[in-house]
Amino acid sequence: MPELNLDNTDERRRHLDIPLMKLDEKYTLTILYVLRNGPIQKTDLINIVASSSDTVKKRVDHLVEEGLVQEVRENQRPFRKMVRLT
């Protein structure tokens, strides 16, 4: 499987290998594109990206596993789930 290798000699940055196959999955790049503007509520992300909430949830889970995005639950009401780039 081909991999995207973003290697930088700067010690402050970490080495990151992203399987290209994951980026090719439906809505993955769209989600990353939307998140470039900052954190967004998960339900809003679903409404913007696709009509199928299940697919978007799966893609967000994959991106979390790869370390590209992070899900954060707010500590105050209404306890929204926010998604942001790492």
Protein backbone atom coordinates (compact mmCIF):
# COMPACT_ATOMS: atom_id res chain seq x y z
CA MET A 1 0.00 0.00 0.00
CA PRO A 2 1.47 3.42 -0.93
CA GLU A 3 2.12 5.78 1.95
CA LEU A 4 2.46 9.52 2.25
CA ASN A 5 5.61 10.18 4.21
CA LEU A 6 5.87 13.69 5.62
CA ASP A 7 9.35 13.57 7.11
CA ASN A 8 10.87 16.75 8.52
CA THR A 9 14.27 17.17 10.14
CA ASP A 10 12.86 19.72 12.58
CA GLU A 11 12.70 17.97 15.97
CA ARG A 12 9.53 19.85 16.94
CA ARG A 13 7.57 18.02 14.26
CA ARG A 14 6.82 14.34 14.40
CA HIS A 15 7.14 11.78 11.65
CA LEU A 16 3.75 11.00 10.10
CA ASP A 17 2.80 8.12 7.80
CA ILE A 18 -0.68 8.31 6.33
CA PRO A 19 -1.91 5.46 4.15
CA LEU A 20 -3.16 7.07 0.95
CA MET A 21 -5.95 4.54 0.81
CA LYS A 22 -7.52 6.09 3.93
CA LEU A 23 -7.47 9.55 2.35
CA ASP A 24 -9.24 8.18 -0.71
CA GLU A 25 -12.25 6.94 1.27
CA LYS A 26 -15.51 8.76 0.59
CA TYR A 27 -15.77 12.15 2.36
CA THR A 28 -12.36 11.92 4.07
CA LEU A 29 -10.77 14.80 2.16
CA THR A 30 -14.00 16.80 2.39
CA ILE A 31 -13.96 16.48 6.18
CA LEU A 32 -10.33 17.60 6.35
CA TYR A 33 -11.12 20.52 4.03
CA VAL A 34 -14.03 21.68 6.23
CA LEU A 35 -11.92 21.38 9.40
CA ARG A 36 -9.20 23.64 8.01
CA ASN A 37 -11.31 26.62 9.16
CA GLY A 38 -11.24 25.49 12.78
CA PRO A 39 -13.20 23.27 15.17
CA ILE A 40 -16.78 22.47 14.28
CA GLN A 41 -19.62 20.77 16.09
CA LYS A 42 -19.89 17.15 14.98
CA THR A 43 -23.56 17.44 13.99
CA ASP A 44 -22.76 20.53 11.87
CA LEU A 45 -19.94 18.65 10.17
CA ILE A 46 -22.34 15.84 9.31
CA ASN A 47 -24.86 18.33 7.89
CA ILE A 48 -22.22 20.05 5.75
CA VAL A 49 -20.49 16.94 4.42
CA ALA A 50 -23.18 14.37 3.66
CA SER A 51 -26.70 13.19 4.26
CA SER A 52 -25.43 9.90 5.72
CA SER A 53 -24.38 10.51 9.32
CA ASP A 54 -23.07 6.94 9.64
CA THR A 55 -20.50 7.40 6.89
CA VAL A 56 -19.24 10.70 8.27
CA LYS A 57 -18.99 9.24 11.79
CA LYS A 58 -16.92 6.33 10.45
CA ARG A 59 -14.60 8.68 8.56
CA VAL A 60 -14.10 10.87 11.61
CA ASP A 61 -13.30 7.73 13.65
CA HIS A 62 -10.69 6.71 11.06
CA LEU A 63 -9.16 10.19 11.10
CA VAL A 64 -9.02 10.09 14.91
CA GLU A 65 -7.24 6.70 14.74
CA GLU A 66 -4.71 8.18 12.30
CA GLY A 67 -4.16 11.15 14.60
CA LEU A 68 -5.28 13.72 12.04
CA VAL A 69 -8.34 14.96 13.92
CA GLN A 70 -9.47 15.05 17.52
CA GLU A 71 -12.93 14.81 19.06
CA VAL A 72 -13.45 16.95 22.13
CA ARG A 73 -16.53 17.03 24.33
CA GLU A 74 -17.20 20.38 25.95
CA ASN A 75 -17.28 20.50 29.76
CA GLN A 76 -20.23 22.86 29.98
CA ARG A 77 -23.79 22.56 28.75
CA PRO A 78 -24.85 21.77 26.08
CA PHE A 79 -21.87 19.29 26.09
CA ARG A 80 -21.33 19.48 22.33
CA LYS A 81 -18.91 17.16 20.57
CA MET A 82 -16.41 19.23 18.62
CA VAL A 83 -14.11 17.94 15.89
CA ARG A 84 -10.81 19.68 15.09
CA LEU A 85 -7.58 19.10 13.24
CA THR A 86 -4.61 18.06 15.36
